[in-house]
PDB file of N, CA and C in Angstrom:
ATOM      1  N   MET A   1     -38.896  -5.586 -40.043  1.00  0.00           N
ATOM      2  CA  MET A   1     -37.916  -5.176 -39.086  1.00  0.00           C
ATOM      3  C   MET A   1     -38.489  -4.324 -37.983  1.00  0.00           C
ATOM      4  N   GLY A   2     -39.518  -3.574 -38.277  1.00  0.00           N
ATOM      5  CA  GLY A   2     -40.158  -2.772 -37.265  1.00  0.00           C
ATOM      6  C   GLY A   2     -40.746  -3.632 -36.180  1.00  0.00           C
ATOM      7  N   GLY A   3     -41.204  -4.832 -36.548  1.00  0.00           N
ATOM      8  CA  GLY A   3     -41.773  -5.745 -35.575  1.00  0.00           C
ATOM      9  C   GLY A   3     -40.729  -6.248 -34.610  1.00  0.00           C
ATOM     10  N   LEU A   4     -39.499  -6.478 -35.143  1.00  0.00           N
ATOM     11  CA  LEU A   4     -38.412  -6.971 -34.288  1.00  0.00           C
ATOM     12  C   LEU A   4     -38.033  -5.918 -33.245  1.00  0.00           C
ATOM     13  N   GLY A   5     -37.988  -4.653 -33.636  1.00  0.00           N
ATOM     14  CA  GLY A   5     -37.686  -3.566 -32.699  1.00  0.00           C
ATOM     15  C   GLY A   5     -38.757  -3.458 -31.630  1.00  0.00           C
ATOM     16  N   LEU A   6     -39.997  -3.676 -32.038  1.00  0.00           N
ATOM     17  CA  LEU A   6     -41.104  -3.626 -31.094  1.00  0.00           C
ATOM     18  C   LEU A   6     -40.998  -4.759 -30.079  1.00  0.00           C
ATOM     19  N   ILE A   7     -40.638  -5.953 -30.559  1.00  0.00           N
ATOM     20  CA  ILE A   7     -40.473  -7.108 -29.660  1.00  0.00           C
ATOM     21  C   ILE A   7     -39.341  -6.859 -28.686  1.00  0.00           C
ATOM     22  N   LYS A   8     -38.216  -6.300 -29.209  1.00  0.00           N
ATOM     23  CA  LYS A   8     -37.087  -5.986 -28.326  1.00  0.00           C
ATOM     24  C   LYS A   8     -37.495  -4.955 -27.270  1.00  0.00           C
ATOM     25  N   SER A   9     -38.236  -3.966 -27.714  1.00  0.00           N
ATOM     26  CA  SER A   9     -38.686  -2.916 -26.807  1.00  0.00           C
ATOM     27  C   SER A   9     -39.610  -3.489 -25.735  1.00  0.00           C
ATOM     28  N   LEU A  10     -40.527  -4.355 -26.167  1.00  0.00           N
ATOM     29  CA  LEU A  10     -41.425  -4.983 -25.204  1.00  0.00           C
ATOM     30  C   LEU A  10     -40.665  -5.885 -24.237  1.00  0.00           C
ATOM     31  N   ALA A  11     -39.689  -6.622 -24.729  1.00  0.00           N
ATOM     32  CA  ALA A  11     -38.879  -7.498 -23.881  1.00  0.00           C
ATOM     33  C   ALA A  11     -38.101  -6.669 -22.868  1.00  0.00           C
ATOM     34  N   GLU A  12     -37.580  -5.546 -23.322  1.00  0.00           N
ATOM     35  CA  GLU A  12     -36.826  -4.672 -22.419  1.00  0.00           C
ATOM     36  C   GLU A  12     -37.753  -4.091 -21.341  1.00  0.00           C
ATOM     37  N   LYS A  13     -38.947  -3.677 -21.742  1.00  0.00           N
ATOM     38  CA  LYS A  13     -39.926  -3.171 -20.785  1.00  0.00           C
ATOM     39  C   LYS A  13     -40.298  -4.253 -19.771  1.00  0.00           C
ATOM     40  N   GLU A  14     -40.455  -5.474 -20.289  1.00  0.00           N
ATOM     41  CA  GLU A  14     -40.803  -6.595 -19.402  1.00  0.00           C
ATOM     42  C   GLU A  14     -39.697  -6.831 -18.385  1.00  0.00           C
ATOM     43  N   ARG A  15     -38.440  -6.806 -18.825  1.00  0.00           N
ATOM     44  CA  ARG A  15     -37.303  -6.977 -17.903  1.00  0.00           C
ATOM     45  C   ARG A  15     -37.283  -5.848 -16.872  1.00  0.00           C
ATOM     46  N   GLU A  16     -37.542  -4.639 -17.350  1.00  0.00           N
ATOM     47  CA  GLU A  16     -37.563  -3.493 -16.448  1.00  0.00           C
ATOM     48  C   GLU A  16     -38.680  -3.635 -15.418  1.00  0.00           C
ATOM     49  N   LEU A  17     -39.861  -4.057 -15.848  1.00  0.00           N
ATOM     50  CA  LEU A  17     -40.981  -4.254 -14.926  1.00  0.00           C
ATOM     51  C   LEU A  17     -40.688  -5.387 -13.943  1.00  0.00           C
ATOM     52  N   LEU A  18     -40.071  -6.468 -14.435  1.00  0.00           N
ATOM     53  CA  LEU A  18     -39.699  -7.574 -13.538  1.00  0.00           C
ATOM     54  C   LEU A  18     -38.688  -7.119 -12.497  1.00  0.00           C
ATOM     55  N   ALA A  19     -37.732  -6.300 -12.908  1.00  0.00           N
ATOM     56  CA  ALA A  19     -36.732  -5.786 -11.969  1.00  0.00           C
ATOM     57  C   ALA A  19     -37.404  -4.899 -10.922  1.00  0.00           C
ATOM     58  N   ARG A  20     -38.331  -4.045 -11.367  1.00  0.00           N
ATOM     59  CA  ARG A  20     -39.046  -3.187 -10.434  1.00  0.00           C
ATOM     60  C   ARG A  20     -39.909  -4.015  -9.483  1.00  0.00           C
ATOM     61  N   LEU A  21     -40.535  -5.066 -10.038  1.00  0.00           N
ATOM     62  CA  LEU A  21     -41.346  -5.952  -9.213  1.00  0.00           C
ATOM     63  C   LEU A  21     -40.486  -6.648  -8.165  1.00  0.00           C
ATOM     64  N   GLU A  22     -39.326  -7.135  -8.578  1.00  0.00           N
ATOM     65  CA  GLU A  22     -38.415  -7.797  -7.634  1.00  0.00           C
ATOM     66  C   GLU A  22     -37.951  -6.821  -6.556  1.00  0.00           C
ATOM     67  N   ALA A  23     -37.644  -5.586  -6.947  1.00  0.00           N
ATOM     68  CA  ALA A  23     -37.223  -4.568  -5.975  1.00  0.00           C
ATOM     69  C   ALA A  23     -38.364  -4.262  -5.005  1.00  0.00           C
ATOM     70  N   ALA A  24     -39.576  -4.169  -5.515  1.00  0.00           N
ATOM     71  CA  ALA A  24     -40.729  -3.910  -4.663  1.00  0.00           C
ATOM     72  C   ALA A  24     -40.957  -5.073  -3.705  1.00  0.00           C
ATOM     73  N   LYS A  25     -40.753  -6.307  -4.184  1.00  0.00           N
ATOM     74  CA  LYS A  25     -40.886  -7.494  -3.311  1.00  0.00           C
ATOM     75  C   LYS A  25     -39.882  -7.435  -2.168  1.00  0.00           C
ATOM     76  N   LYS A  26     -38.619  -7.125  -2.529  1.00  0.00           N
ATOM     77  CA  LYS A  26     -37.573  -7.054  -1.511  1.00  0.00           C
ATOM     78  C   LYS A  26     -37.879  -5.946  -0.501  1.00  0.00           C
ATOM     79  N   GLU A  27     -38.363  -4.812  -0.979  1.00  0.00           N
ATOM     80  CA  GLU A  27     -38.712  -3.712  -0.081  1.00  0.00           C
ATOM     81  C   GLU A  27     -39.865  -4.120   0.832  1.00  0.00           C
ATOM     82  N   ALA A  28     -40.864  -4.802   0.265  1.00  0.00           N
ATOM     83  CA  ALA A  28     -42.002  -5.264   1.063  1.00  0.00           C
ATOM     84  C   ALA A  28     -41.547  -6.272   2.113  1.00  0.00           C
ATOM     85  N   GLU A  29     -40.650  -7.194   1.731  1.00  0.00           N
ATOM     86  CA  GLU A  29     -40.121  -8.173   2.696  1.00  0.00           C
ATOM     87  C   GLU A  29     -39.364  -7.472   3.813  1.00  0.00           C
ATOM     88  N   ALA A  30     -38.602  -6.451   3.451  1.00  0.00           N
ATOM     89  CA  ALA A  30     -37.853  -5.695   4.466  1.00  0.00           C
ATOM     90  C   ALA A  30     -38.819  -4.983   5.407  1.00  0.00           C
ATOM     91  N   LEU A  31     -39.873  -4.396   4.847  1.00  0.00           N
ATOM     92  CA  LEU A  31     -40.853  -3.700   5.675  1.00  0.00           C
ATOM     93  C   LEU A  31     -41.583  -4.678   6.593  1.00  0.00           C
ATOM     94  N   VAL A  32     -41.917  -5.849   6.071  1.00  0.00           N
ATOM     95  CA  VAL A  32     -42.575  -6.868   6.895  1.00  0.00           C
ATOM     96  C   VAL A  32     -41.634  -7.305   8.015  1.00  0.00           C
ATOM     97  N   GLY A  33     -40.372  -7.526   7.684  1.00  0.00           N
ATOM     98  CA  GLY A  33     -39.391  -7.910   8.707  1.00  0.00           C
ATOM     99  C   GLY A  33     -39.252  -6.851   9.784  1.00  0.00           C
ATOM    100  N   GLN A  34     -39.215  -5.591   9.348  1.00  0.00           N
ATOM    101  CA  GLN A  34     -39.109  -4.487  10.303  1.00  0.00           C
ATOM    102  C   GLN A  34     -40.359  -4.422  11.180  1.00  0.00           C
ATOM    103  N   ALA A  35     -41.527  -4.587  10.576  1.00  0.00           N
ATOM    104  CA  ALA A  35     -42.773  -4.553  11.342  1.00  0.00           C
ATOM    105  C   ALA A  35     -42.823  -5.702  12.344  1.00  0.00           C
ATOM    106  N   GLU A  36     -42.365  -6.876  11.932  1.00  0.00           N
ATOM    107  CA  GLU A  36     -42.340  -8.022  12.854  1.00  0.00           C
ATOM    108  C   GLU A  36     -41.388  -7.761  14.010  1.00  0.00           C
ATOM    109  N   ALA A  37     -40.228  -7.182  13.719  1.00  0.00           N
ATOM    110  CA  ALA A  37     -39.260  -6.874  14.781  1.00  0.00           C
ATOM    111  C   ALA A  37     -39.843  -5.851  15.753  1.00  0.00           C
ATOM    112  N   GLU A  38     -40.504  -4.826  15.217  1.00  0.00           N
ATOM    113  CA  GLU A  38     -41.125  -3.828  16.082  1.00  0.00           C
ATOM    114  C   GLU A  38     -42.237  -4.446  16.922  1.00  0.00           C
ATOM    115  N   ALA A  39     -43.007  -5.339  16.315  1.00  0.00           N
ATOM    116  CA  ALA A  39     -44.083  -6.003  17.053  1.00  0.00           C
ATOM    117  C   ALA A  39     -43.509  -6.874  18.165  1.00  0.00           C
ATOM    118  N   ARG A  40     -42.416  -7.596  17.864  1.00  0.00           N
ATOM    119  CA  ARG A  40     -41.773  -8.417  18.908  1.00  0.00           C
ATOM    120  C   ARG A  40     -41.268  -7.538  20.043  1.00  0.00           C
ATOM    121  N   ALA A  41     -40.659  -6.414  19.695  1.00  0.00           N
ATOM    122  CA  ALA A  41     -40.142  -5.502  20.726  1.00  0.00           C
ATOM    123  C   ALA A  41     -41.277  -4.957  21.584  1.00  0.00           C
ATOM    124  N   LEU A  42     -42.382  -4.577  20.942  1.00  0.00           N
ATOM    125  CA  LEU A  42     -43.529  -4.080  21.700  1.00  0.00           C
ATOM    126  C   LEU A  42     -44.108  -5.159  22.604  1.00  0.00           C
ATOM    127  N   LEU A  43     -44.172  -6.376  22.096  1.00  0.00           N
ATOM    128  CA  LEU A  43     -44.688  -7.489  22.891  1.00  0.00           C
ATOM    129  C   LEU A  43     -43.785  -7.750  24.093  1.00  0.00           C
ATOM    130  N   GLU A  44     -42.474  -7.758  23.869  1.00  0.00           N
ATOM    131  CA  GLU A  44     -41.531  -7.975  24.970  1.00  0.00           C
ATOM    132  C   GLU A  44     -41.661  -6.870  26.016  1.00  0.00           C
ATOM    133  N   GLU A  45     -41.803  -5.635  25.541  1.00  0.00           N
ATOM    134  CA  GLU A  45     -41.955  -4.512  26.468  1.00  0.00           C
ATOM    135  C   GLU A  45     -43.246  -4.653  27.274  1.00  0.00           C
ATOM    136  N   ALA A  46     -44.330  -5.026  26.596  1.00  0.00           N
ATOM    137  CA  ALA A  46     -45.614  -5.207  27.284  1.00  0.00           C
ATOM    138  C   ALA A  46     -45.525  -6.338  28.298  1.00  0.00           C
ATOM    139  N   GLU A  47     -44.864  -7.426  27.933  1.00  0.00           N
ATOM    140  CA  GLU A  47     -44.714  -8.546  28.869  1.00  0.00           C
ATOM    141  C   GLU A  47     -43.880  -8.141  30.073  1.00  0.00           C
ATOM    142  N   ALA A  48     -42.819  -7.374  29.837  1.00  0.00           N
ATOM    143  CA  ALA A  48     -41.980  -6.911  30.948  1.00  0.00           C
ATOM    144  C   ALA A  48     -42.774  -6.000  31.883  1.00  0.00           C
ATOM    145  N   LYS A  49     -43.578  -5.099  31.292  1.00  0.00           N
ATOM    146  CA  LYS A  49     -44.389  -4.213  32.115  1.00  0.00           C
ATOM    147  C   LYS A  49     -45.426  -5.006  32.900  1.00  0.00           C
ATOM    148  N   ALA A  50     -46.010  -6.002  32.262  1.00  0.00           N
ATOM    149  CA  ALA A  50     -47.009  -6.834  32.949  1.00  0.00           C
ATOM    150  C   ALA A  50     -46.368  -7.578  34.114  1.00  0.00           C
ATOM    151  N   LYS A  51     -45.163  -8.109  33.911  1.00  0.00           N
ATOM    152  CA  LYS A  51     -44.461  -8.811  35.001  1.00  0.00           C
ATOM    153  C   LYS A  51     -44.140  -7.847  36.136  1.00  0.00           C
ATOM    154  N   ALA A  52     -43.714  -6.642  35.786  1.00  0.00           N
ATOM    155  CA  ALA A  52     -43.390  -5.651  36.815  1.00  0.00           C
ATOM    156  C   ALA A  52     -44.642  -5.270  37.603  1.00  0.00           C
ATOM    157  N   LEU A  53     -45.745  -5.068  36.899  1.00  0.00           N
ATOM    158  CA  LEU A  53     -46.996  -4.744  37.588  1.00  0.00           C
ATOM    159  C   LEU A  53     -47.454  -5.893  38.468  1.00  0.00           C
ATOM    160  N   GLU A  54     -47.289  -7.117  37.983  1.00  0.00           N
ATOM    161  CA  GLU A  54     -47.680  -8.281  38.778  1.00  0.00           C
ATOM    162  C   GLU A  54     -46.831  -8.372  40.043  1.00  0.00           C
ATOM    163  N   ALA A  55     -45.522  -8.151  39.898  1.00  0.00           N
ATOM    164  CA  ALA A  55     -44.632  -8.189  41.064  1.00  0.00           C
ATOM    165  C   ALA A  55     -45.000  -7.088  42.051  1.00  0.00           C
ATOM    166  N   GLU A  56     -45.286  -5.900  41.524  1.00  0.00           N
ATOM    167  CA  GLU A  56     -45.682  -4.782  42.395  1.00  0.00           C
ATOM    168  C   GLU A  56     -46.984  -5.114  43.119  1.00  0.00           C
ATOM    169  N   TYR A  57     -47.929  -5.676  42.398  1.00  0.00           N
ATOM    170  CA  TYR A  57     -49.215  -6.046  42.997  1.00  0.00           C
ATOM    171  C   TYR A  57     -49.016  -7.092  44.081  1.00  0.00           C
ATOM    172  N   ARG A  58     -48.212  -8.117  43.797  1.00  0.00           N
ATOM    173  CA  ARG A  58     -47.969  -9.172  44.788  1.00  0.00           C
ATOM    174  C   ARG A  58     -47.289  -8.617  46.035  1.00  0.00           C
ATOM    175  N   GLU A  59     -46.342  -7.710  45.835  1.00  0.00           N
ATOM    176  CA  GLU A  59     -45.649  -7.104  46.974  1.00  0.00           C
ATOM    177  C   GLU A  59     -46.614  -6.280  47.813  1.00  0.00           C
ATOM    178  N   ARG A  60     -47.435  -5.471  47.139  1.00  0.00           N
ATOM    179  CA  ARG A  60     -48.412  -4.654  47.857  1.00  0.00           C
ATOM    180  C   ARG A  60     -49.420  -5.541  48.582  1.00  0.00           C
ATOM    181  N   GLU A  61     -49.855  -6.609  47.920  1.00  0.00           N
ATOM    182  CA  GLU A  61     -50.806  -7.539  48.532  1.00  0.00           C
ATOM    183  C   GLU A  61     -50.190  -8.205  49.764  1.00  0.00           C
ATOM    184  N   ALA A  62     -48.912  -8.590  49.662  1.00  0.00           N
ATOM    185  CA  ALA A  62     -48.245  -9.220  50.801  1.00  0.00           C
ATOM    186  C   ALA A  62     -48.150  -8.241  51.979  1.00  0.00           C
ATOM    187  N   LYS A  63     -47.818  -6.982  51.685  1.00  0.00           N
ATOM    188  CA  LYS A  63     -47.723  -5.977  52.754  1.00  0.00           C
ATOM    189  C   LYS A  63     -49.087  -5.742  53.403  1.00  0.00           C
ATOM    190  N   GLU A  64     -50.122  -5.635  52.571  1.00  0.00           N
ATOM    191  CA  GLU A  64     -51.462  -5.416  53.114  1.00  0.00           C
ATOM    192  C   GLU A  64     -51.920  -6.613  53.940  1.00  0.00           C
ATOM    193  N   THR A  65     -51.608  -7.813  53.464  1.00  0.00           N
ATOM    194  CA  THR A  65     -51.975  -9.023  54.201  1.00  0.00           C
ATOM    195  C   THR A  65     -51.251  -9.066  55.537  1.00  0.00           C
ATOM    196  N   GLU A  66     -49.976  -8.734  55.534  1.00  0.00           N
ATOM    197  CA  GLU A  66     -49.204  -8.730  56.781  1.00  0.00           C
ATOM    198  C   GLU A  66     -49.753  -7.686  57.744  1.00  0.00           C
ATOM    199  N   ALA A  67     -50.156  -6.532  57.234  1.00  0.00           N
ATOM    200  CA  ALA A  67     -50.724  -5.489  58.094  1.00  0.00           C
ATOM    201  C   ALA A  67     -52.037  -5.961  58.711  1.00  0.00           C
ATOM    202  N   ILE A  68     -52.863  -6.630  57.914  1.00  0.00           N
ATOM    203  CA  ILE A  68     -54.137  -7.154  58.433  1.00  0.00           C
ATOM    204  C   ILE A  68     -53.864  -8.212  59.497  1.00  0.00           C
ATOM    205  N   LEU A  69     -52.918  -9.117  59.208  1.00  0.00           N
ATOM    206  CA  LEU A  69     -52.582 -10.158  60.190  1.00  0.00           C
ATOM    207  C   LEU A  69     -52.049  -9.552  61.479  1.00  0.00           C
ATOM    208  N   ALA A  70     -51.204  -8.529  61.370  1.00  0.00           N
ATOM    209  CA  ALA A  70     -50.658  -7.878  62.565  1.00  0.00           C
ATOM    210  C   ALA A  70     -51.772  -7.236  63.383  1.00  0.00           C
ATOM    211  N   ARG A  71     -52.729  -6.613  62.692  1.00  0.00           N
ATOM    212  CA  ARG A  71     -53.847  -5.992  63.399  1.00  0.00           C
ATOM    213  C   ARG A  71     -54.681  -7.047  64.134  1.00  0.00           C
ATOM    214  N   TYR A  72     -54.969  -8.161  63.444  1.00  0.00           N
ATOM    215  CA  TYR A  72     -55.747  -9.219  64.091  1.00  0.00           C
ATOM    216  C   TYR A  72     -54.976  -9.892  65.233  1.00  0.00           C
ATOM    217  N   ARG A  73     -53.657 -10.040  65.062  1.00  0.00           N
ATOM    218  CA  ARG A  73     -52.847 -10.601  66.152  1.00  0.00           C
ATOM    219  C   ARG A  73     -52.919  -9.709  67.383  1.00  0.00           C
ATOM    220  N   ALA A  74     -52.743  -8.411  67.153  1.00  0.00           N
ATOM    221  CA  ALA A  74     -52.791  -7.461  68.270  1.00  0.00           C
ATOM    222  C   ALA A  74     -54.169  -7.494  68.943  1.00  0.00           C
ATOM    223  N   GLN A  75     -55.212  -7.553  68.129  1.00  0.00           N
ATOM    224  CA  GLN A  75     -56.567  -7.622  68.682  1.00  0.00           C
ATOM    225  C   GLN A  75     -56.763  -8.914  69.477  1.00  0.00           C
ATOM    226  N   ALA A  76     -56.283 -10.027  68.929  1.00  0.00           N
ATOM    227  CA  ALA A  76     -56.421 -11.312  69.621  1.00  0.00           C
ATOM    228  C   ALA A  76     -55.632 -11.310  70.923  1.00  0.00           C
ATOM    229  N   GLU A  77     -54.431 -10.733  70.914  1.00  0.00           N
ATOM    230  CA  GLU A  77     -53.625 -10.659  72.132  1.00  0.00           C
ATOM    231  C   GLU A  77     -54.317  -9.793  73.184  1.00  0.00           C
ATOM    232  N   ALA A  78     -54.897  -8.690  72.742  1.00  0.00           N
ATOM    233  CA  ALA A  78     -55.598  -7.811  73.693  1.00  0.00           C
ATOM    234  C   ALA A  78     -56.802  -8.527  74.287  1.00  0.00           C
ATOM    235  N   GLU A  79     -57.551  -9.242  73.440  1.00  0.00           N
ATOM    236  CA  GLU A  79     -58.704  -9.986  73.942  1.00  0.00           C
ATOM    237  C   GLU A  79     -58.265 -11.098  74.884  1.00  0.00           C
ATOM    238  N   ALA A  80     -57.179 -11.784  74.544  1.00  0.00           N
ATOM    239  CA  ALA A  80     -56.674 -12.855  75.411  1.00  0.00           C
ATOM    240  C   ALA A  80     -56.234 -12.285  76.759  1.00  0.00           C
ATOM    241  N   LYS A  81     -55.599 -11.123  76.744  1.00  0.00           N
ATOM    242  CA  LYS A  81     -55.160 -10.487  77.983  1.00  0.00           C
ATOM    243  C   LYS A  81     -56.371 -10.104  78.837  1.00  0.00           C
ATOM    244  N   ALA A  82     -57.408  -9.554  78.187  1.00  0.00           N
ATOM    245  CA  ALA A  82     -58.618  -9.152  78.921  1.00  0.00           C
ATOM    246  C   ALA A  82     -59.300 -10.371  79.532  1.00  0.00           C
ATOM    247  N   VAL A  83     -59.366 -11.470  78.773  1.00  0.00           N
ATOM    248  CA  VAL A  83     -59.984 -12.696  79.276  1.00  0.00           C
ATOM    249  C   VAL A  83     -59.165 -13.239  80.442  1.00  0.00           C
ATOM    250  N   LYS A  84     -57.849 -13.201  80.306  1.00  0.00           N
ATOM    251  CA  LYS A  84     -56.970 -13.709  81.361  1.00  0.00           C
ATOM    252  C   LYS A  84     -57.135 -12.880  82.637  1.00  0.00           C
ATOM    253  N   GLU A  85     -57.211 -11.564  82.495  1.00  0.00           N
ATOM    254  CA  GLU A  85     -57.385 -10.699  83.660  1.00  0.00           C
ATOM    255  C   GLU A  85     -58.741 -10.953  84.330  1.00  0.00           C
ATOM    256  N   LYS A  86     -59.778 -11.076  83.494  1.00  0.00           N
ATOM    257  CA  LYS A  86     -61.110 -11.334  84.019  1.00  0.00           C
ATOM    258  C   LYS A  86     -61.145 -12.694  84.721  1.00  0.00           C
ATOM    259  N   ALA A  87     -60.508 -13.682  84.101  1.00  0.00           N
ATOM    260  CA  ALA A  87     -60.471 -15.021  84.697  1.00  0.00           C
ATOM    261  C   ALA A  87     -59.670 -15.001  85.999  1.00  0.00           C
ATOM    262  N   GLY A  88     -58.598 -14.238  86.015  1.00  0.00           N
ATOM    263  CA  GLY A  88     -57.791 -14.130  87.236  1.00  0.00           C
ATOM    264  C   GLY A  88     -58.600 -13.535  88.366  1.00  0.00           C
ATOM    265  N   ALA A  89     -59.367 -12.499  88.076  1.00  0.00           N
ATOM    266  CA  ALA A  89     -60.199 -11.869  89.105  1.00  0.00           C
ATOM    267  C   ALA A  89     -61.261 -12.845  89.597  1.00  0.00           C
ATOM    268  N   ARG A  90     -61.881 -13.572  88.691  1.00  0.00           N
ATOM    269  CA  ARG A  90     -62.905 -14.539  89.084  1.00  0.00           C
ATOM    270  C   ARG A  90     -62.293 -15.689  89.879  1.00  0.00           C
ATOM    271  N   LEU A  91     -61.094 -16.076  89.496  1.00  0.00           N
ATOM    272  CA  LEU A  91     -60.408 -17.145  90.228  1.00  0.00           C
ATOM    273  C   LEU A  91     -60.138 -16.692  91.659  1.00  0.00           C
ATOM    274  N   GLU A  92     -59.699 -15.471  91.812  1.00  0.00           N
ATOM    275  CA  GLU A  92     -59.458 -14.938  93.150  1.00  0.00           C
ATOM    276  C   GLU A  92     -60.748 -14.912  93.955  1.00  0.00           C
ATOM    277  N   GLU A  93     -61.830 -14.507  93.316  1.00  0.00           N
ATOM    278  CA  GLU A  93     -63.130 -14.496  94.002  1.00  0.00           C
ATOM    279  C   GLU A  93     -63.532 -15.907  94.414  1.00  0.00           C
ATOM    280  N   ALA A  94     -63.345 -16.851  93.488  1.00  0.00           N
ATOM    281  CA  ALA A  94     -63.727 -18.243  93.771  1.00  0.00           C
ATOM    282  C   ALA A  94     -62.881 -18.801  94.912  1.00  0.00           C
ATOM    283  N   VAL A  95     -61.591 -18.517  94.903  1.00  0.00           N
ATOM    284  CA  VAL A  95     -60.703 -18.988  95.978  1.00  0.00           C
ATOM    285  C   VAL A  95     -61.139 -18.372  97.294  1.00  0.00           C
ATOM    286  N   ALA A  96     -61.453 -17.106  97.280  1.00  0.00           N
ATOM    287  CA  ALA A  96     -61.893 -16.429  98.508  1.00  0.00           C
ATOM    288  C   ALA A  96     -63.188 -17.040  99.017  1.00  0.00           C
ATOM    289  N   MET A  97     -64.126 -17.350  98.099  1.00  0.00           N
ATOM    290  CA  MET A  97     -65.389 -17.959  98.518  1.00  0.00           C
ATOM    291  C   MET A  97     -65.167 -19.349  99.084  1.00  0.00           C
ATOM    292  N   VAL A  98     -64.307 -20.123  98.447  1.00  0.00           N
ATOM    293  CA  VAL A  98     -64.021 -21.474  98.934  1.00  0.00           C
ATOM    294  C   VAL A  98     -63.359 -21.404 100.295  1.00  0.00           C
ATOM    295  N   LEU A  99     -62.390 -20.523 100.418  1.00  0.00           N
ATOM    296  CA  LEU A  99     -61.718 -20.389 101.709  1.00  0.00           C
ATOM    297  C   LEU A  99     -62.705 -19.931 102.805  1.00  0.00           C
ATOM    298  N   LYS A 100     -63.594 -19.047 102.442  1.00  0.00           N
ATOM    299  CA  LYS A 100     -64.571 -18.563 103.406  1.00  0.00           C
ATOM    300  C   LYS A 100     -65.493 -19.706 103.855  1.00  0.00           C
ATOM    301  N   GLU A 101     -65.847 -20.571 102.918  1.00  0.00           N
ATOM    302  CA  GLU A 101     -66.727 -21.692 103.232  1.00  0.00           C
ATOM    303  C   GLU A 101     -65.984 -22.775 104.017  1.00  0.00           C
ATOM    304  N   VAL A 102     -64.740 -22.968 103.655  1.00  0.00           N
ATOM    305  CA  VAL A 102     -63.991 -24.069 104.259  1.00  0.00           C
ATOM    306  C   VAL A 102     -63.395 -23.641 105.591  1.00  0.00           C
ATOM    307  N   LEU A 103     -62.836 -22.472 105.644  1.00  0.00           N
ATOM    308  CA  LEU A 103     -62.212 -22.024 106.888  1.00  0.00           C
ATOM    309  C   LEU A 103     -63.213 -21.240 107.724  1.00  0.00           C
ATOM    310  N   PRO A 104     -63.154 -21.464 109.037  1.00  0.00           N
ATOM    311  CA  PRO A 104     -64.104 -20.752 109.917  1.00  0.00           C
ATOM    312  C   PRO A 104     -63.775 -19.311 110.131  1.00  0.00           C
TER     313      PRO A 104
END
């Protein structure tokens, strides 16, 4: 009879250990789920920040590009004006020389 009590005791211990194991499994699954959710949230936050930085960079790049283009346009217009003025003066000189040669 002592053996039967020992078997019952061992069976009860086994059930208790299985219950603890199952509880530990469920806790581990919950922790894994929580860690995955936190990782997803961190990833989403990082992606959002990356998109915001990319948009900021593109906006800044567009502004800088427009400023460079405006500077070159102004420079080109100034050079064109200088060439036009110089050409106008030379044209006047050429007309005066032609008139001097043609008219007595």
